[in-house]
Amino acid sequence: MAQSVKLGDDIMALVRREADLRSRSVAGQLTHWVRIGRAIERAGNFDYARITAALEGRLDTTELGEEEEAAWLDEFTAKMAEPSATETAFFGKRRQLGRGVGLDAGGNLVYAEDDAGA
């Protein structure tokens, strides 16, 4: 029987983005992540310190186990989705100048005036 679950907008945005990237439905993406999380919790060889070291560049990702690599990829994707202060300043300046500030889902250039309502 299907169940409803309330998730925050930030989590749903991540789920939708990953679902699009992986050609999965939202339900399929959530199911995939639940299975990964369950496998990680059951695995005795999962070490979050190793994942942190890989994120910081102190450990080569080829040295991670399968479960660790899946967790590393999730963390890496989340970090890459957050703009740095330099990037925020760069795109803020482009907005002020009315220049392109990014791409939409269709790969079309988005200008500051197109972005104002978002």
PDB file of N, CA and C in Angstrom:
ATOM      1  N   MET A   1       0.835  -1.169   0.000  1.00  0.00           N
ATOM      2  CA  MET A   1       0.000   0.000   0.000  1.00  0.00           C
ATOM      3  C   MET A   1       0.887   1.242   0.000  1.00  0.00           C
ATOM      4  N   ALA A   2       0.585   2.212  -0.842  1.00  0.00           N
ATOM      5  CA  ALA A   2       1.345   3.459  -0.925  1.00  0.00           C
ATOM      6  C   ALA A   2       1.112   4.300   0.321  1.00  0.00           C
ATOM      7  N   GLN A   3       2.141   5.033   0.719  1.00  0.00           N
ATOM      8  CA  GLN A   3       2.071   5.895   1.891  1.00  0.00           C
ATOM      9  C   GLN A   3       2.496   7.304   1.490  1.00  0.00           C
ATOM     10  N   SER A   4       1.964   8.302   2.175  1.00  0.00           N
ATOM     11  CA  SER A   4       2.374   9.683   1.959  1.00  0.00           C
ATOM     12  C   SER A   4       3.363  10.091   3.034  1.00  0.00           C
ATOM     13  N   VAL A   5       4.363  10.854   2.643  1.00  0.00           N
ATOM     14  CA  VAL A   5       5.369  11.353   3.573  1.00  0.00           C
ATOM     15  C   VAL A   5       5.584  12.824   3.265  1.00  0.00           C
ATOM     16  N   LYS A   6       5.658  13.645   4.296  1.00  0.00           N
ATOM     17  CA  LYS A   6       5.886  15.072   4.116  1.00  0.00           C
ATOM     18  C   LYS A   6       7.388  15.334   4.208  1.00  0.00           C
ATOM     19  N   LEU A   7       7.954  15.932   3.138  1.00  0.00           N
ATOM     20  CA  LEU A   7       9.371  16.267   3.104  1.00  0.00           C
ATOM     21  C   LEU A   7       9.517  17.766   2.850  1.00  0.00           C
ATOM     22  N   GLY A   8      10.605  18.332   3.334  1.00  0.00           N
ATOM     23  CA  GLY A   8      10.860  19.751   3.143  1.00  0.00           C
ATOM     24  C   GLY A   8      11.122  20.085   1.679  1.00  0.00           C
ATOM     25  N   ASP A   9      10.880  21.351   1.339  1.00  0.00           N
ATOM     26  CA  ASP A   9      11.095  21.811  -0.036  1.00  0.00           C
ATOM     27  C   ASP A   9      12.535  21.610  -0.486  1.00  0.00           C
ATOM     28  N   ASP A  10      13.502  21.812   0.433  1.00  0.00           N
ATOM     29  CA  ASP A  10      14.907  21.650   0.063  1.00  0.00           C
ATOM     30  C   ASP A  10      15.218  20.204  -0.307  1.00  0.00           C
ATOM     31  N   ILE A  11      14.658  19.259   0.435  1.00  0.00           N
ATOM     32  CA  ILE A  11      14.863  17.839   0.136  1.00  0.00           C
ATOM     33  C   ILE A  11      14.190  17.483  -1.185  1.00  0.00           C
ATOM     34  N   MET A  12      12.990  17.973  -1.388  1.00  0.00           N
ATOM     35  CA  MET A  12      12.280  17.659  -2.638  1.00  0.00           C
ATOM     36  C   MET A  12      12.991  18.242  -3.855  1.00  0.00           C
ATOM     37  N   ALA A  13      13.604  19.401  -3.703  1.00  0.00           N
ATOM     38  CA  ALA A  13      14.363  19.981  -4.816  1.00  0.00           C
ATOM     39  C   ALA A  13      15.538  19.079  -5.174  1.00  0.00           C
ATOM     40  N   LEU A  14      16.217  18.549  -4.157  1.00  0.00           N
ATOM     41  CA  LEU A  14      17.319  17.606  -4.406  1.00  0.00           C
ATOM     42  C   LEU A  14      16.817  16.342  -5.091  1.00  0.00           C
ATOM     43  N   VAL A  15      15.719  15.825  -4.594  1.00  0.00           N
ATOM     44  CA  VAL A  15      15.152  14.592  -5.163  1.00  0.00           C
ATOM     45  C   VAL A  15      14.769  14.806  -6.621  1.00  0.00           C
ATOM     46  N   ARG A  16      14.093  15.903  -6.896  1.00  0.00           N
ATOM     47  CA  ARG A  16      13.673  16.171  -8.282  1.00  0.00           C
ATOM     48  C   ARG A  16      14.861  16.332  -9.221  1.00  0.00           C
ATOM     49  N   ARG A  17      15.883  17.056  -8.767  1.00  0.00           N
ATOM     50  CA  ARG A  17      17.074  17.254  -9.594  1.00  0.00           C
ATOM     51  C   ARG A  17      17.767  15.926  -9.901  1.00  0.00           C
ATOM     52  N   GLU A  18      17.963  15.115  -8.868  1.00  0.00           N
ATOM     53  CA  GLU A  18      18.607  13.819  -9.071  1.00  0.00           C
ATOM     54  C   GLU A  18      17.746  12.887  -9.915  1.00  0.00           C
ATOM     55  N   ALA A  19      16.443  12.929  -9.700  1.00  0.00           N
ATOM     56  CA  ALA A  19      15.538  12.094 -10.500  1.00  0.00           C
ATOM     57  C   ALA A  19      15.661  12.451 -11.975  1.00  0.00           C
ATOM     58  N   ASP A  20      15.710  13.748 -12.282  1.00  0.00           N
ATOM     59  CA  ASP A  20      15.895  14.186 -13.672  1.00  0.00           C
ATOM     60  C   ASP A  20      17.225  13.714 -14.228  1.00  0.00           C
ATOM     61  N   LEU A  21      18.292  13.890 -13.447  1.00  0.00           N
ATOM     62  CA  LEU A  21      19.626  13.490 -13.905  1.00  0.00           C
ATOM     63  C   LEU A  21      19.729  11.991 -14.150  1.00  0.00           C
ATOM     64  N   ARG A  22      19.019  11.218 -13.354  1.00  0.00           N
ATOM     65  CA  ARG A  22      19.116   9.751 -13.424  1.00  0.00           C
ATOM     66  C   ARG A  22      17.980   9.113 -14.216  1.00  0.00           C
ATOM     67  N   SER A  23      17.117   9.942 -14.804  1.00  0.00           N
ATOM     68  CA  SER A  23      15.958   9.461 -15.573  1.00  0.00           C
ATOM     69  C   SER A  23      15.081   8.528 -14.737  1.00  0.00           C
ATOM     70  N   ARG A  24      14.817   8.981 -13.511  1.00  0.00           N
ATOM     71  CA  ARG A  24      13.941   8.229 -12.610  1.00  0.00           C
ATOM     72  C   ARG A  24      12.753   9.103 -12.250  1.00  0.00           C
ATOM     73  N   SER A  25      11.703   8.459 -11.786  1.00  0.00           N
ATOM     74  CA  SER A  25      10.591   9.211 -11.212  1.00  0.00           C
ATOM     75  C   SER A  25      11.018   9.691  -9.827  1.00  0.00           C
ATOM     76  N   VAL A  26      10.272  10.627  -9.257  1.00  0.00           N
ATOM     77  CA  VAL A  26      10.565  11.092  -7.902  1.00  0.00           C
ATOM     78  C   VAL A  26      10.472   9.915  -6.930  1.00  0.00           C
ATOM     79  N   ALA A  27       9.428   9.107  -7.069  1.00  0.00           N
ATOM     80  CA  ALA A  27       9.273   7.933  -6.195  1.00  0.00           C
ATOM     81  C   ALA A  27      10.436   6.957  -6.395  1.00  0.00           C
ATOM     82  N   GLY A  28      10.855   6.773  -7.629  1.00  0.00           N
ATOM     83  CA  GLY A  28      11.973   5.881  -7.922  1.00  0.00           C
ATOM     84  C   GLY A  28      13.267   6.376  -7.307  1.00  0.00           C
ATOM     85  N   GLN A  29      13.491   7.708  -7.343  1.00  0.00           N
ATOM     86  CA  GLN A  29      14.708   8.271  -6.750  1.00  0.00           C
ATOM     87  C   GLN A  29      14.700   8.107  -5.238  1.00  0.00           C
ATOM     88  N   LEU A  30      13.560   8.387  -4.619  1.00  0.00           N
ATOM     89  CA  LEU A  30      13.459   8.214  -3.166  1.00  0.00           C
ATOM     90  C   LEU A  30      13.677   6.757  -2.768  1.00  0.00           C
ATOM     91  N   THR A  31      13.081   5.846  -3.511  1.00  0.00           N
ATOM     92  CA  THR A  31      13.263   4.417  -3.232  1.00  0.00           C
ATOM     93  C   THR A  31      14.733   4.035  -3.355  1.00  0.00           C
ATOM     94  N   HIS A  32      15.393   4.535  -4.388  1.00  0.00           N
ATOM     95  CA  HIS A  32      16.817   4.249  -4.593  1.00  0.00           C
ATOM     96  C   HIS A  32      17.631   4.729  -3.392  1.00  0.00           C
ATOM     97  N   TRP A  33      17.397   5.975  -2.965  1.00  0.00           N
ATOM     98  CA  TRP A  33      18.153   6.510  -1.838  1.00  0.00           C
ATOM     99  C   TRP A  33      17.856   5.770  -0.536  1.00  0.00           C
ATOM    100  N   VAL A  34      16.625   5.351  -0.340  1.00  0.00           N
ATOM    101  CA  VAL A  34      16.282   4.583   0.863  1.00  0.00           C
ATOM    102  C   VAL A  34      17.053   3.264   0.877  1.00  0.00           C
ATOM    103  N   ARG A  35      17.116   2.618  -0.271  1.00  0.00           N
ATOM    104  CA  ARG A  35      17.855   1.348  -0.354  1.00  0.00           C
ATOM    105  C   ARG A  35      19.343   1.555  -0.096  1.00  0.00           C
ATOM    106  N   ILE A  36      19.910   2.635  -0.636  1.00  0.00           N
ATOM    107  CA  ILE A  36      21.325   2.924  -0.392  1.00  0.00           C
ATOM    108  C   ILE A  36      21.553   3.178   1.096  1.00  0.00           C
ATOM    109  N   GLY A  37      20.715   4.008   1.685  1.00  0.00           N
ATOM    110  CA  GLY A  37      20.851   4.304   3.112  1.00  0.00           C
ATOM    111  C   GLY A  37      20.747   3.059   3.972  1.00  0.00           C
ATOM    112  N   ARG A  38      19.830   2.198   3.632  1.00  0.00           N
ATOM    113  CA  ARG A  38      19.666   0.941   4.384  1.00  0.00           C
ATOM    114  C   ARG A  38      20.896   0.061   4.243  1.00  0.00           C
ATOM    115  N   ALA A  39      21.418  -0.019   3.022  1.00  0.00           N
ATOM    116  CA  ALA A  39      22.620  -0.827   2.795  1.00  0.00           C
ATOM    117  C   ALA A  39      23.805  -0.266   3.574  1.00  0.00           C
ATOM    118  N   ILE A  40      23.918   1.053   3.616  1.00  0.00           N
ATOM    119  CA  ILE A  40      25.015   1.683   4.354  1.00  0.00           C
ATOM    120  C   ILE A  40      24.900   1.393   5.846  1.00  0.00           C
ATOM    121  N   GLU A  41      23.708   1.525   6.377  1.00  0.00           N
ATOM    122  CA  GLU A  41      23.523   1.261   7.806  1.00  0.00           C
ATOM    123  C   GLU A  41      23.819  -0.192   8.158  1.00  0.00           C
ATOM    124  N   ARG A  42      23.547  -1.101   7.249  1.00  0.00           N
ATOM    125  CA  ARG A  42      23.790  -2.523   7.492  1.00  0.00           C
ATOM    126  C   ARG A  42      25.246  -2.925   7.264  1.00  0.00           C
ATOM    127  N   ALA A  43      25.960  -2.127   6.480  1.00  0.00           N
ATOM    128  CA  ALA A  43      27.338  -2.465   6.143  1.00  0.00           C
ATOM    129  C   ALA A  43      28.248  -2.187   7.335  1.00  0.00           C
ATOM    130  N   GLY A  44      29.109  -3.106   7.619  1.00  0.00           N
ATOM    131  CA  GLY A  44      30.053  -2.925   8.710  1.00  0.00           C
ATOM    132  C   GLY A  44      31.291  -2.150   8.287  1.00  0.00           C
ATOM    133  N   ASN A  45      31.465  -1.944   6.991  1.00  0.00           N
ATOM    134  CA  ASN A  45      32.696  -1.308   6.519  1.00  0.00           C
ATOM    135  C   ASN A  45      32.486   0.128   6.065  1.00  0.00           C
ATOM    136  N   PHE A  46      31.431   0.749   6.502  1.00  0.00           N
ATOM    137  CA  PHE A  46      31.139   2.131   6.142  1.00  0.00           C
ATOM    138  C   PHE A  46      31.814   3.047   7.150  1.00  0.00           C
ATOM    139  N   ASP A  47      32.629   3.974   6.661  1.00  0.00           N
ATOM    140  CA  ASP A  47      33.373   4.867   7.544  1.00  0.00           C
ATOM    141  C   ASP A  47      33.212   6.299   7.047  1.00  0.00           C
ATOM    142  N   TYR A  48      32.437   7.104   7.786  1.00  0.00           N
ATOM    143  CA  TYR A  48      32.169   8.474   7.348  1.00  0.00           C
ATOM    144  C   TYR A  48      33.435   9.324   7.357  1.00  0.00           C
ATOM    145  N   ALA A  49      34.396   9.006   8.213  1.00  0.00           N
ATOM    146  CA  ALA A  49      35.660   9.757   8.238  1.00  0.00           C
ATOM    147  C   ALA A  49      36.394   9.616   6.906  1.00  0.00           C
ATOM    148  N   ARG A  50      36.300   8.450   6.281  1.00  0.00           N
ATOM    149  CA  ARG A  50      36.933   8.246   4.972  1.00  0.00           C
ATOM    150  C   ARG A  50      36.231   9.084   3.899  1.00  0.00           C
ATOM    151  N   ILE A  51      34.914   9.186   3.998  1.00  0.00           N
ATOM    152  CA  ILE A  51      34.147   9.992   3.043  1.00  0.00           C
ATOM    153  C   ILE A  51      34.549  11.461   3.190  1.00  0.00           C
ATOM    154  N   THR A  52      34.665  11.931   4.429  1.00  0.00           N
ATOM    155  CA  THR A  52      35.088  13.303   4.689  1.00  0.00           C
ATOM    156  C   THR A  52      36.486  13.548   4.125  1.00  0.00           C
ATOM    157  N   ALA A  53      37.379  12.598   4.323  1.00  0.00           N
ATOM    158  CA  ALA A  53      38.742  12.732   3.786  1.00  0.00           C
ATOM    159  C   ALA A  53      38.721  12.821   2.261  1.00  0.00           C
ATOM    160  N   ALA A  54      37.866  12.049   1.614  1.00  0.00           N
ATOM    161  CA  ALA A  54      37.756  12.095   0.149  1.00  0.00           C
ATOM    162  C   ALA A  54      37.182  13.428  -0.304  1.00  0.00           C
ATOM    163  N   LEU A  55      36.206  13.959   0.427  1.00  0.00           N
ATOM    164  CA  LEU A  55      35.630  15.260   0.090  1.00  0.00           C
ATOM    165  C   LEU A  55      36.659  16.379   0.226  1.00  0.00           C
ATOM    166  N   GLU A  56      37.572  16.221   1.175  1.00  0.00           N
ATOM    167  CA  GLU A  56      38.606  17.231   1.407  1.00  0.00           C
ATOM    168  C   GLU A  56      39.837  17.007   0.537  1.00  0.00           C
ATOM    169  N   GLY A  57      39.830  15.945  -0.272  1.00  0.00           N
ATOM    170  CA  GLY A  57      40.952  15.674  -1.164  1.00  0.00           C
ATOM    171  C   GLY A  57      42.116  14.968  -0.496  1.00  0.00           C
ATOM    172  N   ARG A  58      41.921  14.453   0.713  1.00  0.00           N
ATOM    173  CA  ARG A  58      42.990  13.743   1.419  1.00  0.00           C
ATOM    174  C   ARG A  58      42.987  12.243   1.143  1.00  0.00           C
ATOM    175  N   LEU A  59      41.952  11.760   0.465  1.00  0.00           N
ATOM    176  CA  LEU A  59      41.831  10.343   0.126  1.00  0.00           C
ATOM    177  C   LEU A  59      41.279  10.240  -1.282  1.00  0.00           C
ATOM    178  N   ASP A  60      41.910   9.432  -2.105  1.00  0.00           N
ATOM    179  CA  ASP A  60      41.435   9.234  -3.476  1.00  0.00           C
ATOM    180  C   ASP A  60      40.118   8.459  -3.428  1.00  0.00           C
ATOM    181  N   THR A  61      39.147   8.903  -4.211  1.00  0.00           N
ATOM    182  CA  THR A  61      37.829   8.257  -4.200  1.00  0.00           C
ATOM    183  C   THR A  61      37.886   6.809  -4.663  1.00  0.00           C
ATOM    184  N   THR A  62      38.929   6.433  -5.395  1.00  0.00           N
ATOM    185  CA  THR A  62      39.053   5.030  -5.828  1.00  0.00           C
ATOM    186  C   THR A  62      39.317   4.101  -4.646  1.00  0.00           C
ATOM    187  N   GLU A  63      39.687   4.674  -3.511  1.00  0.00           N
ATOM    188  CA  GLU A  63      39.935   3.871  -2.306  1.00  0.00           C
ATOM    189  C   GLU A  63      38.677   3.648  -1.475  1.00  0.00           C
ATOM    190  N   LEU A  64      37.566   4.262  -1.874  1.00  0.00           N
ATOM    191  CA  LEU A  64      36.310   4.105  -1.137  1.00  0.00           C
ATOM    192  C   LEU A  64      35.617   2.814  -1.547  1.00  0.00           C
ATOM    193  N   GLY A  65      34.925   2.201  -0.585  1.00  0.00           N
ATOM    194  CA  GLY A  65      34.096   1.043  -0.883  1.00  0.00           C
ATOM    195  C   GLY A  65      32.827   1.498  -1.602  1.00  0.00           C
ATOM    196  N   GLU A  66      32.054   0.560  -2.079  1.00  0.00           N
ATOM    197  CA  GLU A  66      30.846   0.882  -2.840  1.00  0.00           C
ATOM    198  C   GLU A  66      29.869   1.744  -2.043  1.00  0.00           C
ATOM    199  N   GLU A  67      29.627   1.378  -0.793  1.00  0.00           N
ATOM    200  CA  GLU A  67      28.703   2.145   0.041  1.00  0.00           C
ATOM    201  C   GLU A  67      29.260   3.524   0.345  1.00  0.00           C
ATOM    202  N   GLU A  68      30.563   3.587   0.627  1.00  0.00           N
ATOM    203  CA  GLU A  68      31.198   4.866   0.906  1.00  0.00           C
ATOM    204  C   GLU A  68      31.160   5.765  -0.324  1.00  0.00           C
ATOM    205  N   GLU A  69      31.377   5.179  -1.495  1.00  0.00           N
ATOM    206  CA  GLU A  69      31.356   5.967  -2.722  1.00  0.00           C
ATOM    207  C   GLU A  69      29.975   6.565  -2.977  1.00  0.00           C
ATOM    208  N   ALA A  70      28.928   5.803  -2.714  1.00  0.00           N
ATOM    209  CA  ALA A  70      27.564   6.313  -2.898  1.00  0.00           C
ATOM    210  C   ALA A  70      27.310   7.488  -1.960  1.00  0.00           C
ATOM    211  N   ALA A  71      27.747   7.382  -0.720  1.00  0.00           N
ATOM    212  CA  ALA A  71      27.568   8.468   0.239  1.00  0.00           C
ATOM    213  C   ALA A  71      28.428   9.673  -0.152  1.00  0.00           C
ATOM    214  N   TRP A  72      29.671   9.407  -0.615  1.00  0.00           N
ATOM    215  CA  TRP A  72      30.544  10.488  -1.069  1.00  0.00           C
ATOM    216  C   TRP A  72      29.886  11.254  -2.216  1.00  0.00           C
ATOM    217  N   LEU A  73      29.314  10.534  -3.170  1.00  0.00           N
ATOM    218  CA  LEU A  73      28.686  11.176  -4.324  1.00  0.00           C
ATOM    219  C   LEU A  73      27.525  12.072  -3.894  1.00  0.00           C
ATOM    220  N   ASP A  74      26.723  11.605  -2.949  1.00  0.00           N
ATOM    221  CA  ASP A  74      25.623  12.433  -2.442  1.00  0.00           C
ATOM    222  C   ASP A  74      26.157  13.712  -1.799  1.00  0.00           C
ATOM    223  N   GLU A  75      27.189  13.576  -0.966  1.00  0.00           N
ATOM    224  CA  GLU A  75      27.780  14.744  -0.297  1.00  0.00           C
ATOM    225  C   GLU A  75      28.429  15.681  -1.310  1.00  0.00           C
ATOM    226  N   PHE A  76      29.139  15.118  -2.278  1.00  0.00           N
ATOM    227  CA  PHE A  76      29.805  15.914  -3.301  1.00  0.00           C
ATOM    228  C   PHE A  76      28.781  16.698  -4.120  1.00  0.00           C
ATOM    229  N   THR A  77      27.700  16.020  -4.516  1.00  0.00           N
ATOM    230  CA  THR A  77      26.642  16.669  -5.289  1.00  0.00           C
ATOM    231  C   THR A  77      26.019  17.818  -4.502  1.00  0.00           C
ATOM    232  N   ALA A  78      25.781  17.598  -3.220  1.00  0.00           N
ATOM    233  CA  ALA A  78      25.206  18.655  -2.375  1.00  0.00           C
ATOM    234  C   ALA A  78      26.160  19.847  -2.274  1.00  0.00           C
ATOM    235  N   LYS A  79      27.456  19.573  -2.087  1.00  0.00           N
ATOM    236  CA  LYS A  79      28.435  20.659  -1.989  1.00  0.00           C
ATOM    237  C   LYS A  79      28.543  21.432  -3.295  1.00  0.00           C
ATOM    238  N   MET A  80      28.493  20.741  -4.412  1.00  0.00           N
ATOM    239  CA  MET A  80      28.612  21.399  -5.709  1.00  0.00           C
ATOM    240  C   MET A  80      27.378  22.240  -6.032  1.00  0.00           C
ATOM    241  N   ALA A  81      26.251  21.932  -5.419  1.00  0.00           N
ATOM    242  CA  ALA A  81      25.017  22.675  -5.663  1.00  0.00           C
ATOM    243  C   ALA A  81      25.001  24.009  -4.917  1.00  0.00           C
ATOM    244  N   GLU A  82      25.888  24.167  -3.939  1.00  0.00           N
ATOM    245  CA  GLU A  82      25.942  25.398  -3.154  1.00  0.00           C
ATOM    246  C   GLU A  82      26.995  26.328  -3.745  1.00  0.00           C
ATOM    247  N   PRO A  83      26.594  27.533  -4.174  1.00  0.00           N
ATOM    248  CA  PRO A  83      27.589  28.447  -4.750  1.00  0.00           C
ATOM    249  C   PRO A  83      28.540  28.982  -3.683  1.00  0.00           C
ATOM    250  N   SER A  84      29.790  29.183  -4.083  1.00  0.00           N
ATOM    251  CA  SER A  84      30.764  29.792  -3.179  1.00  0.00           C
ATOM    252  C   SER A  84      30.488  31.294  -3.094  1.00  0.00           C
ATOM    253  N   ALA A  85      31.141  31.963  -2.167  1.00  0.00           N
ATOM    254  CA  ALA A  85      30.989  33.414  -2.038  1.00  0.00           C
ATOM    255  C   ALA A  85      31.460  34.105  -3.319  1.00  0.00           C
ATOM    256  N   THR A  86      32.519  33.593  -3.925  1.00  0.00           N
ATOM    257  CA  THR A  86      33.032  34.167  -5.177  1.00  0.00           C
ATOM    258  C   THR A  86      32.009  34.026  -6.293  1.00  0.00           C
ATOM    259  N   GLU A  87      31.396  32.856  -6.391  1.00  0.00           N
ATOM    260  CA  GLU A  87      30.378  32.636  -7.427  1.00  0.00           C
ATOM    261  C   GLU A  87      29.153  33.520  -7.195  1.00  0.00           C
ATOM    262  N   THR A  88      28.734  33.652  -5.951  1.00  0.00           N
ATOM    263  CA  THR A  88      27.589  34.499  -5.627  1.00  0.00           C
ATOM    264  C   THR A  88      27.866  35.945  -6.025  1.00  0.00           C
ATOM    265  N   ALA A  89      29.068  36.435  -5.720  1.00  0.00           N
ATOM    266  CA  ALA A  89      29.437  37.802  -6.099  1.00  0.00           C
ATOM    267  C   ALA A  89      29.500  37.955  -7.618  1.00  0.00           C
ATOM    268  N   PHE A  90      30.068  36.962  -8.301  1.00  0.00           N
ATOM    269  CA  PHE A  90      30.192  36.998  -9.757  1.00  0.00           C
ATOM    270  C   PHE A  90      28.815  37.106 -10.419  1.00  0.00           C
ATOM    271  N   PHE A  91      27.893  36.239 -10.016  1.00  0.00           N
ATOM    272  CA  PHE A  91      26.574  36.260 -10.641  1.00  0.00           C
ATOM    273  C   PHE A  91      25.743  37.458 -10.183  1.00  0.00           C
ATOM    274  N   GLY A  92      26.006  37.970  -8.986  1.00  0.00           N
ATOM    275  CA  GLY A  92      25.353  39.194  -8.548  1.00  0.00           C
ATOM    276  C   GLY A  92      25.735  40.364  -9.437  1.00  0.00           C
ATOM    277  N   LYS A  93      27.018  40.441  -9.772  1.00  0.00           N
ATOM    278  CA  LYS A  93      27.497  41.500 -10.676  1.00  0.00           C
ATOM    279  C   LYS A  93      26.873  41.346 -12.056  1.00  0.00           C
ATOM    280  N   ARG A  94      26.772  40.117 -12.557  1.00  0.00           N
ATOM    281  CA  ARG A  94      26.161  39.873 -13.870  1.00  0.00           C
ATOM    282  C   ARG A  94      24.688  40.290 -13.857  1.00  0.00           C
ATOM    283  N   ARG A  95      23.992  40.032 -12.741  1.00  0.00           N
ATOM    284  CA  ARG A  95      22.593  40.449 -12.628  1.00  0.00           C
ATOM    285  C   ARG A  95      22.484  41.967 -12.717  1.00  0.00           C
ATOM    286  N   GLN A  96      23.363  42.669 -12.000  1.00  0.00           N
ATOM    287  CA  GLN A  96      23.349  44.135 -12.024  1.00  0.00           C
ATOM    288  C   GLN A  96      23.566  44.672 -13.435  1.00  0.00           C
ATOM    289  N   LEU A  97      24.388  43.969 -14.217  1.00  0.00           N
ATOM    290  CA  LEU A  97      24.705  44.409 -15.573  1.00  0.00           C
ATOM    291  C   LEU A  97      23.696  43.905 -16.608  1.00  0.00           C
ATOM    292  N   GLY A  98      22.718  43.091 -16.171  1.00  0.00           N
ATOM    293  CA  GLY A  98      21.707  42.562 -17.091  1.00  0.00           C
ATOM    294  C   GLY A  98      22.242  41.489 -18.020  1.00  0.00           C
ATOM    295  N   ARG A  99      23.292  40.810 -17.615  1.00  0.00           N
ATOM    296  CA  ARG A  99      23.897  39.756 -18.434  1.00  0.00           C
ATOM    297  C   ARG A  99      23.333  38.396 -18.050  1.00  0.00           C
ATOM    298  N   GLY A 100      23.651  37.395 -18.865  1.00  0.00           N
ATOM    299  CA  GLY A 100      23.211  36.034 -18.572  1.00  0.00           C
ATOM    300  C   GLY A 100      23.703  35.567 -17.215  1.00  0.00           C
ATOM    301  N   VAL A 101      22.841  34.887 -16.489  1.00  0.00           N
ATOM    302  CA  VAL A 101      23.188  34.454 -15.132  1.00  0.00           C
ATOM    303  C   VAL A 101      23.121  32.949 -14.947  1.00  0.00           C
ATOM    304  N   GLY A 102      22.880  32.200 -16.009  1.00  0.00           N
ATOM    305  CA  GLY A 102      22.830  30.749 -15.886  1.00  0.00           C
ATOM    306  C   GLY A 102      22.047  30.130 -17.019  1.00  0.00           C
ATOM    307  N   LEU A 103      21.779  28.835 -16.865  1.00  0.00           N
ATOM    308  CA  LEU A 103      21.011  28.089 -17.854  1.00  0.00           C
ATOM    309  C   LEU A 103      19.759  27.523 -17.210  1.00  0.00           C
ATOM    310  N   ASP A 104      18.668  27.479 -17.981  1.00  0.00           N
ATOM    311  CA  ASP A 104      17.458  26.838 -17.472  1.00  0.00           C
ATOM    312  C   ASP A 104      17.539  25.340 -17.755  1.00  0.00           C
ATOM    313  N   ALA A 105      16.506  24.602 -17.382  1.00  0.00           N
ATOM    314  CA  ALA A 105      16.502  23.146 -17.548  1.00  0.00           C
ATOM    315  C   ALA A 105      16.645  22.729 -19.007  1.00  0.00           C
ATOM    316  N   GLY A 106      16.241  23.598 -19.941  1.00  0.00           N
ATOM    317  CA  GLY A 106      16.357  23.291 -21.365  1.00  0.00           C
ATOM    318  C   GLY A 106      17.684  23.704 -21.967  1.00  0.00           C
ATOM    319  N   GLY A 107      18.597  24.251 -21.140  1.00  0.00           N
ATOM    320  CA  GLY A 107      19.897  24.662 -21.627  1.00  0.00           C
ATOM    321  C   GLY A 107      19.912  26.052 -22.231  1.00  0.00           C
ATOM    322  N   ASN A 108      18.837  26.817 -22.042  1.00  0.00           N
ATOM    323  CA  ASN A 108      18.747  28.180 -22.572  1.00  0.00           C
ATOM    324  C   ASN A 108      19.318  29.169 -21.573  1.00  0.00           C
ATOM    325  N   LEU A 109      20.011  30.193 -22.081  1.00  0.00           N
ATOM    326  CA  LEU A 109      20.591  31.220 -21.234  1.00  0.00           C
ATOM    327  C   LEU A 109      19.496  31.993 -20.523  1.00  0.00           C
ATOM    328  N   VAL A 110      19.640  32.187 -19.222  1.00  0.00           N
ATOM    329  CA  VAL A 110      18.703  32.944 -18.407  1.00  0.00           C
ATOM    330  C   VAL A 110      19.330  34.284 -18.093  1.00  0.00           C
ATOM    331  N   TYR A 111      18.593  35.354 -18.326  1.00  0.00           N
ATOM    332  CA  TYR A 111      19.079  36.711 -18.031  1.00  0.00           C
ATOM    333  C   TYR A 111      18.489  37.185 -16.714  1.00  0.00           C
ATOM    334  N   ALA A 112      19.097  38.212 -16.162  1.00  0.00           N
ATOM    335  CA  ALA A 112      18.684  38.728 -14.857  1.00  0.00           C
ATOM    336  C   ALA A 112      17.200  39.065 -14.816  1.00  0.00           C
ATOM    337  N   GLU A 113      16.664  39.695 -15.861  1.00  0.00           N
ATOM    338  CA  GLU A 113      15.251  40.058 -15.842  1.00  0.00           C
ATOM    339  C   GLU A 113      14.354  38.834 -15.880  1.00  0.00           C
ATOM    340  N   ASP A 114      14.818  37.731 -16.515  1.00  0.00           N
ATOM    341  CA  ASP A 114      14.042  36.484 -16.550  1.00  0.00           C
ATOM    342  C   ASP A 114      14.031  35.833 -15.177  1.00  0.00           C
ATOM    343  N   ASP A 115      15.069  36.099 -14.396  1.00  0.00           N
ATOM    344  CA  ASP A 115      15.322  35.449 -13.127  1.00  0.00           C
ATOM    345  C   ASP A 115      14.692  36.206 -11.961  1.00  0.00           C
ATOM    346  N   ALA A 116      14.214  37.423 -12.192  1.00  0.00           N
ATOM    347  CA  ALA A 116      13.757  38.304 -11.114  1.00  0.00           C
ATOM    348  C   ALA A 116      12.616  37.717 -10.300  1.00  0.00           C
ATOM    349  N   GLY A 117      11.698  36.985 -10.924  1.00  0.00           N
ATOM    350  CA  GLY A 117      10.557  36.435 -10.213  1.00  0.00           C
ATOM    351  C   GLY A 117      10.845  35.152  -9.483  1.00  0.00           C
ATOM    352  N   ALA A 118      12.021  34.556  -9.720  1.00  0.00           N
ATOM    353  CA  ALA A 118      12.345  33.260  -9.101  1.00  0.00           C
ATOM    354  C   ALA A 118      12.933  33.420  -7.740  1.00  0.00           C
TER     355      ALA A 118
END
